Amino acid sequence: MSVGYRTLPDMSDVAASGSLAPPFIDAPANADTVEAIGALSPSRAGDFVTCPLLYRFRVIDQLPEPPSRAATRGTLVHAVLERLFDQPAPDRTVQAARALLAPEWERLLSEEPELAQMFSGDAERDAWFGEAHTILDRYFTLEDPRRLEPARRELYVETVLDSGLLLRGYIDRLDIAPNGDVRVVDYKTGTAPRAEFEARALFQMKFYALVLWRLAGRVPRLLQLMYLGNGEILRYAPDEADLRATQRKTEAIWRAIERARSRQDWRPRPGRICDWCAHKALCPAFGGTPPPLPAAAADPYSSRTAAADAGSAARADPLPEIPSPRSFAPDI
């Protein structure tokens, strides 16, 4: 594990063009041979580990959550960085990224007009935009996008384990070097975690690596978390043992979710995350009362629709119980 190195010695700065992307990123593994018993993304797995009641509110009850400035800023920055790579390589500058902020914000507003309610006036909105500018500027201190040609951006991936658990999620960026080495990149608009929390931060990346390994039969060379909040990079080179352990952990989380569902036992787990939770008023740990479980909670995983188009800009979700990975919490 390393922080701050620009690349591993044999990992090229310049990723292969999209035309060299292997076919595994276009088709889910086992989709036709194993029936899915349920689905899990790294975000929702993290919700359950953090607080089973939070998982219930988001997945079973599907309670709405008001937009937050931090989460929306993260969505905006991710959208700008995705669009930046639509530009010819020489044009991927700080100025170009900044110029994308306003149109991407207008696009988000057209899709979710309620986002405008986050600000009491122009001064608050302008300060928020200033923070987004700072985060984008910091990205350019970590890498030069003019030297990169990502194979894919905002890539939807899924695979079904032999147990029937469907793993899925969206990868911010997939880089493929000329020798076929794969680098999985995720942008975080928060700050890097302390050393004792690095393993938790890497779970998401190992989850993606597990899916890619099952799809391609090849372990990604490098997992890279880019923390734009303070300009640090967390890198990890996984091996097969790591990914087998990640599969065991993920399946253990799913078994715990199934036990909670069968017993209707979604206990709160109070902690620091409670300060940001939109459902605090409903939590028994703070004197609240959760709503009755919906009748559909008896078997929310009974059907599965077609997989999302990995090349689509829209985040179509093939199983309704897993919201978009940046729908809720900010990077903390």
Protein backbone atom coordinates (compact mmCIF):
# COMPACT_ATOMS: atom_id res chain seq x y z
CA MET A 1 0.00 0.00 0.00
CA SER A 2 1.35 3.41 -0.82
CA VAL A 3 0.39 7.05 -0.68
CA GLY A 4 1.75 9.66 -3.03
CA TYR A 5 3.51 7.66 -5.75
CA ARG A 6 2.37 8.65 -9.22
CA THR A 7 2.63 5.13 -10.67
CA LEU A 8 4.03 1.73 -9.95
CA PRO A 9 7.35 1.27 -11.80
CA ASP A 10 5.91 -0.89 -14.58
CA MET A 11 2.51 0.77 -14.88
CA SER A 12 2.46 3.21 -17.78
CA ASP A 13 1.19 6.74 -17.20
CA VAL A 14 -0.55 6.53 -20.55
CA ALA A 15 -3.47 4.13 -20.52
CA ALA A 16 -4.46 2.26 -23.60
CA SER A 17 -7.20 3.69 -25.77
CA GLY A 18 -10.75 2.43 -25.38
CA SER A 19 -10.34 0.30 -28.49
CA LEU A 20 -7.88 -1.90 -26.61
CA ALA A 21 -10.30 -2.53 -23.79
CA PRO A 22 -10.83 -6.29 -23.37
CA PRO A 23 -14.29 -7.71 -24.02
CA PHE A 24 -14.90 -8.67 -20.39
CA ILE A 25 -16.09 -5.19 -19.53
CA ASP A 26 -19.05 -5.52 -21.86
CA ALA A 27 -20.69 -8.69 -20.55
CA PRO A 28 -21.60 -9.89 -17.03
CA ALA A 29 -20.14 -13.20 -15.89
CA ASN A 30 -22.43 -16.12 -15.01
CA ALA A 31 -25.50 -14.05 -15.92
CA ASP A 32 -26.94 -16.87 -17.99
CA THR A 33 -25.88 -19.81 -15.82
CA VAL A 34 -26.50 -18.76 -12.20
CA GLU A 35 -29.79 -17.32 -10.96
CA ALA A 36 -29.26 -14.26 -8.79
CA ILE A 37 -30.67 -14.58 -5.27
CA GLY A 38 -29.91 -10.96 -4.43
CA ALA A 39 -27.64 -8.06 -5.29
CA LEU A 40 -25.06 -6.06 -3.43
CA SER A 41 -22.97 -3.03 -4.26
CA PRO A 42 -20.00 -1.83 -2.20
CA SER A 43 -21.99 1.23 -1.08
CA ARG A 44 -24.87 -0.80 0.29
CA ALA A 45 -22.53 -3.36 1.84
CA GLY A 46 -20.85 -0.44 3.57
CA ASP A 47 -24.23 0.82 4.76
CA PHE A 48 -25.02 -2.49 6.45
CA VAL A 49 -21.62 -2.75 8.10
CA THR A 50 -21.94 0.84 9.31
CA CYS A 51 -25.52 0.47 10.54
CA PRO A 52 -28.05 -2.26 9.69
CA LEU A 53 -30.90 0.19 10.28
CA LEU A 54 -29.41 2.60 7.76
CA TYR A 55 -29.32 -0.23 5.23
CA ARG A 56 -32.97 -0.95 5.96
CA PHE A 57 -34.00 2.69 5.53
CA ARG A 58 -32.20 2.96 2.19
CA VAL A 59 -32.80 -0.47 0.67
CA ILE A 60 -35.96 -1.91 2.24
CA ASP A 61 -37.94 1.24 3.02
CA GLN A 62 -36.27 3.28 0.26
CA LEU A 63 -36.85 6.43 2.27
CA PRO A 64 -36.07 9.67 0.43
CA GLU A 65 -33.11 11.70 1.61
CA PRO A 66 -32.71 15.43 1.11
CA PRO A 67 -29.77 16.43 -1.08
CA SER A 68 -26.62 17.41 0.75
CA ARG A 69 -24.09 19.93 -0.42
CA ALA A 70 -21.14 17.60 0.07
CA ALA A 71 -22.70 14.68 -1.82
CA THR A 72 -23.95 16.92 -4.62
CA ARG A 73 -20.56 18.57 -4.95
CA GLY A 74 -19.05 15.10 -5.28
CA THR A 75 -21.53 14.20 -8.00
CA LEU A 76 -20.75 17.45 -9.84
CA VAL A 77 -16.97 16.96 -9.67
CA HIS A 78 -17.29 13.35 -10.85
CA ALA A 79 -19.41 14.49 -13.81
CA VAL A 80 -16.88 17.16 -14.77
CA LEU A 81 -13.97 14.71 -14.64
CA GLU A 82 -15.92 12.25 -16.78
CA ARG A 83 -16.71 14.92 -19.37
CA LEU A 84 -13.16 16.26 -19.30
CA PHE A 85 -11.93 13.12 -21.04
CA ASP A 86 -14.33 13.80 -23.92
CA GLN A 87 -11.97 16.64 -24.86
CA PRO A 88 -8.92 16.07 -27.07
CA ALA A 89 -5.93 15.33 -24.87
CA PRO A 90 -4.19 18.72 -25.32
CA ASP A 91 -7.38 20.53 -24.22
CA ARG A 92 -7.74 18.78 -20.85
CA THR A 93 -6.64 21.72 -18.78
CA VAL A 94 -7.68 23.30 -15.48
CA GLN A 95 -9.48 26.00 -17.43
CA ALA A 96 -11.40 23.40 -19.45
CA ALA A 97 -12.45 21.57 -16.29
CA ARG A 98 -13.64 24.80 -14.68
CA ALA A 99 -15.60 25.68 -17.80
CA LEU A 100 -17.50 22.39 -17.47
CA LEU A 101 -18.77 23.14 -13.97
CA ALA A 102 -21.61 25.47 -14.92
CA PRO A 103 -23.12 23.33 -17.72
CA GLU A 104 -22.82 20.16 -15.63
CA TRP A 105 -24.52 21.94 -12.74
CA GLU A 106 -27.34 23.04 -15.02
CA ARG A 107 -27.72 19.46 -16.20
CA LEU A 108 -27.97 18.21 -12.62
CA LEU A 109 -30.54 20.90 -11.84
CA SER A 110 -32.64 19.91 -14.84
CA GLU A 111 -32.67 16.31 -13.58
CA GLU A 112 -33.17 17.19 -9.91
CA PRO A 113 -34.64 20.70 -9.51
CA GLU A 114 -34.77 20.25 -5.73
CA LEU A 115 -30.98 20.69 -5.62
CA ALA A 116 -31.53 24.43 -5.89
CA GLN A 117 -33.09 24.35 -2.42
CA MET A 118 -29.71 23.55 -0.83
CA PHE A 119 -28.80 27.26 -0.93
CA SER A 120 -30.47 30.19 0.77
CA GLY A 121 -29.01 32.63 -1.71
CA ASP A 122 -26.41 33.38 -4.36
CA ALA A 123 -23.63 33.86 -1.80
CA GLU A 124 -23.99 30.31 -0.46
CA ARG A 125 -24.16 28.86 -3.96
CA ASP A 126 -21.09 30.82 -5.08
CA ALA A 127 -19.10 29.65 -2.05
CA TRP A 128 -20.10 26.07 -2.83
CA PHE A 129 -18.96 26.51 -6.44
CA GLY A 130 -15.68 27.90 -5.13
CA GLU A 131 -15.13 24.68 -3.17
CA ALA A 132 -15.79 22.66 -6.33
CA HIS A 133 -13.22 24.81 -8.19
CA THR A 134 -10.66 24.10 -5.48
CA ILE A 135 -11.28 20.35 -5.65
CA LEU A 136 -10.90 20.35 -9.44
CA ASP A 137 -7.72 22.38 -9.25
CA ARG A 138 -6.31 19.87 -6.77
CA TYR A 139 -7.03 17.01 -9.16
CA PHE A 140 -4.52 18.50 -11.61
CA THR A 141 -1.79 18.38 -8.95
CA LEU A 142 -2.21 14.59 -8.75
CA GLU A 143 -2.11 13.60 -12.43
CA ASP A 144 -2.01 15.09 -15.91
CA PRO A 145 -5.15 14.07 -17.84
CA ARG A 146 -3.44 15.05 -21.09
CA ARG A 147 -1.26 11.93 -20.68
CA LEU A 148 -4.16 9.54 -20.14
CA GLU A 149 -6.66 7.80 -22.38
CA PRO A 150 -9.01 5.87 -20.08
CA ALA A 151 -10.44 2.65 -21.45
CA ARG A 152 -13.76 3.33 -19.75
CA ARG A 153 -15.39 5.91 -17.51
CA GLU A 154 -18.40 5.44 -15.23
CA LEU A 155 -18.30 1.76 -16.10
CA TYR A 156 -21.10 -0.47 -14.85
CA VAL A 157 -19.87 -3.97 -13.95
CA GLU A 158 -21.57 -7.00 -12.48
CA THR A 159 -20.96 -10.66 -11.86
CA VAL A 160 -22.91 -13.44 -10.17
CA LEU A 161 -21.03 -15.53 -7.62
CA ASP A 162 -21.56 -19.29 -7.48
CA SER A 163 -23.65 -18.66 -4.36
CA GLY A 164 -26.09 -16.64 -6.48
CA LEU A 165 -25.13 -13.26 -5.03
CA LEU A 166 -24.89 -10.63 -7.73
CA LEU A 167 -22.12 -8.10 -7.21
CA ARG A 168 -22.36 -4.85 -9.09
CA GLY A 169 -21.26 -1.26 -9.11
CA TYR A 170 -19.93 1.67 -11.09
CA ILE A 171 -16.21 2.20 -11.58
CA ASP A 172 -15.18 5.83 -12.01
CA ARG A 173 -12.36 5.05 -14.41
CA LEU A 174 -10.65 2.02 -15.87
CA ASP A 175 -7.16 2.46 -17.32
CA ILE A 176 -5.56 -0.30 -19.38
CA ALA A 177 -1.85 -0.12 -20.16
CA PRO A 178 -0.42 -1.35 -23.48
CA ASN A 179 0.75 -4.55 -21.78
CA GLY A 180 -2.81 -5.24 -20.57
CA ASP A 181 -2.33 -4.19 -16.94
CA VAL A 182 -5.54 -2.78 -15.49
CA ARG A 183 -5.74 0.17 -13.11
CA VAL A 184 -9.02 0.83 -11.29
CA VAL A 185 -9.40 4.50 -10.35
CA ASP A 186 -11.92 6.05 -7.99
CA TYR A 187 -12.26 9.75 -7.22
CA LYS A 188 -13.11 10.84 -3.68
CA THR A 189 -13.95 14.47 -3.01
CA GLY A 190 -13.31 14.04 0.71
CA THR A 191 -9.99 13.67 2.49
CA ALA A 192 -7.89 10.52 2.82
CA PRO A 193 -8.70 8.33 5.83
CA ARG A 194 -6.33 7.82 8.72
CA ALA A 195 -4.14 4.72 8.49
CA GLU A 196 -6.42 2.67 10.76
CA PHE A 197 -9.34 3.20 8.34
CA GLU A 198 -7.50 2.49 5.08
CA ALA A 199 -8.68 -1.13 4.92
CA ARG A 200 -12.29 -0.01 5.01
CA ALA A 201 -11.64 2.53 2.27
CA LEU A 202 -10.05 -0.15 0.12
CA PHE A 203 -12.98 -2.56 0.46
CA GLN A 204 -14.83 -0.77 -2.33
CA MET A 205 -11.83 -1.05 -4.63
CA LYS A 206 -11.23 -4.72 -3.82
CA PHE A 207 -14.93 -5.32 -4.48
CA TYR A 208 -14.53 -3.86 -7.99
CA ALA A 209 -11.30 -5.82 -8.48
CA LEU A 210 -13.12 -9.03 -7.52
CA VAL A 211 -15.81 -8.38 -10.13
CA LEU A 212 -13.22 -7.60 -12.82
CA TRP A 213 -11.17 -10.68 -11.90
CA ARG A 214 -14.20 -12.91 -12.28
CA LEU A 215 -15.05 -11.28 -15.59
CA ALA A 216 -11.55 -11.32 -17.07
CA GLY A 217 -9.71 -14.04 -15.20
CA ARG A 218 -6.99 -11.50 -14.48
CA VAL A 219 -6.37 -9.55 -11.27
CA PRO A 220 -6.19 -5.77 -11.79
CA ARG A 221 -2.62 -4.51 -11.42
CA LEU A 222 -3.44 -1.45 -9.33
CA LEU A 223 -6.28 0.03 -7.29
CA GLN A 224 -6.06 3.80 -6.96
CA LEU A 225 -8.14 6.04 -4.70
CA MET A 226 -7.65 9.74 -5.46
CA TYR A 227 -8.62 11.94 -2.51
CA LEU A 228 -9.25 15.35 -4.01
CA GLY A 229 -10.16 16.87 -0.65
CA ASN A 230 -6.53 16.95 0.48
CA GLY A 231 -4.56 15.81 -2.56
CA GLU A 232 -3.49 12.32 -1.51
CA ILE A 233 -3.51 9.07 -3.45
CA LEU A 234 -3.99 5.66 -1.87
CA ARG A 235 -2.69 2.84 -4.05
CA TYR A 236 -2.89 -0.89 -3.55
CA ALA A 237 -1.72 -3.82 -5.68
CA PRO A 238 -4.12 -6.72 -4.98
CA ASP A 239 -3.48 -10.42 -5.44
CA GLU A 240 -5.76 -13.43 -5.74
CA ALA A 241 -5.68 -14.06 -1.99
CA ASP A 242 -6.95 -10.52 -1.39
CA LEU A 243 -9.84 -11.02 -3.76
CA ARG A 244 -10.80 -14.43 -2.38
CA ALA A 245 -10.88 -12.84 1.07
CA THR A 246 -13.03 -10.01 -0.30
CA GLN A 247 -15.46 -12.54 -1.74
CA ARG A 248 -15.72 -14.32 1.61
CA LYS A 249 -16.30 -11.01 3.38
CA THR A 250 -18.94 -9.91 0.88
CA GLU A 251 -20.83 -13.20 1.13
CA ALA A 252 -20.65 -13.00 4.93
CA ILE A 253 -22.18 -9.52 4.80
CA TRP A 254 -24.96 -10.84 2.57
CA ARG A 255 -25.69 -13.71 4.97
CA ALA A 256 -25.93 -11.19 7.79
CA ILE A 257 -28.34 -9.08 5.70
CA GLU A 258 -30.47 -12.15 5.03
CA ARG A 259 -30.56 -13.00 8.74
CA ALA A 260 -31.62 -9.46 9.58
CA ARG A 261 -34.33 -9.58 6.92
CA SER A 262 -35.70 -12.97 8.01
CA ARG A 263 -35.80 -11.87 11.65
CA GLN A 264 -36.88 -8.31 10.81
CA ASP A 265 -34.06 -7.24 13.10
CA TRP A 266 -32.46 -4.06 11.77
CA ARG A 267 -30.59 -2.72 14.77
CA PRO A 268 -29.04 0.74 14.79
CA ARG A 269 -25.32 1.06 15.34
CA PRO A 270 -24.69 4.57 16.69
CA GLY A 271 -21.46 6.25 15.69
CA ARG A 272 -19.94 9.29 14.03
CA ILE A 273 -21.96 8.71 10.86
CA CYS A 274 -25.11 9.57 12.84
CA ASP A 275 -24.17 13.26 12.63
CA TRP A 276 -24.74 13.08 8.85
CA CYS A 277 -27.67 10.66 8.80
CA ALA A 278 -30.87 11.97 7.22
CA HIS A 279 -32.93 9.47 9.24
CA LYS A 280 -31.76 10.33 12.75
CA ALA A 281 -35.27 11.38 13.80
CA LEU A 282 -36.54 7.85 13.02
CA CYS A 283 -33.74 6.04 14.86
CA PRO A 284 -34.50 4.35 18.21
CA ALA A 285 -30.99 5.22 19.39
CA PHE A 286 -32.12 8.85 19.39
CA GLY A 287 -35.69 8.37 20.60
CA GLY A 288 -37.26 7.86 17.17
CA THR A 289 -39.55 5.16 15.80
CA PRO A 290 -38.89 3.52 12.42
CA PRO A 291 -41.86 3.22 10.07
CA PRO A 292 -43.52 -0.20 9.67
CA LEU A 293 -41.68 -2.49 7.31
CA PRO A 294 -43.24 -2.49 3.84
CA ALA A 295 -45.00 -5.71 2.83
CA ALA A 296 -42.63 -6.15 -0.11
CA ALA A 297 -39.75 -6.52 2.35
CA ALA A 298 -40.65 -10.19 2.72
CA ASP A 299 -38.93 -10.97 -0.58
CA PRO A 300 -37.43 -7.88 -2.24
CA TYR A 301 -35.12 -9.93 -4.48
CA SER A 302 -37.62 -12.03 -6.38
CA SER A 303 -36.88 -10.81 -9.90
CA ARG A 304 -34.05 -9.51 -12.01
CA THR A 305 -34.11 -7.38 -15.14
CA ALA A 306 -31.59 -6.93 -17.93
CA ALA A 307 -28.15 -5.54 -17.13
CA ALA A 308 -27.47 -1.86 -17.60
CA ASP A 309 -25.69 -0.72 -20.72
CA ALA A 310 -22.12 -0.06 -19.57
CA GLY A 311 -21.72 2.66 -22.16
CA SER A 312 -24.82 4.57 -21.16
CA ALA A 313 -24.42 7.93 -19.50
CA ALA A 314 -27.59 7.26 -17.53
CA ARG A 315 -27.17 5.11 -14.45
CA ALA A 316 -29.77 2.44 -15.16
CA ASP A 317 -29.94 0.05 -12.22
CA PRO A 318 -30.86 -3.57 -13.01
CA LEU A 319 -32.02 -4.35 -9.45
CA PRO A 320 -34.10 -1.68 -7.74
CA GLU A 321 -32.86 -2.27 -4.20
CA ILE A 322 -29.41 -0.75 -4.86
CA PRO A 323 -29.46 3.02 -5.45
CA SER A 324 -26.80 4.86 -7.38
CA PRO A 325 -23.41 4.75 -5.59
CA ARG A 326 -23.31 8.51 -5.04
CA SER A 327 -26.96 8.92 -4.08
CA PHE A 328 -26.46 9.47 -0.41
CA ALA A 329 -23.45 9.99 1.79
CA PRO A 330 -20.54 12.33 1.12
CA ASP A 331 -16.97 11.08 1.30
CA ILE A 332 -15.96 11.26 4.92
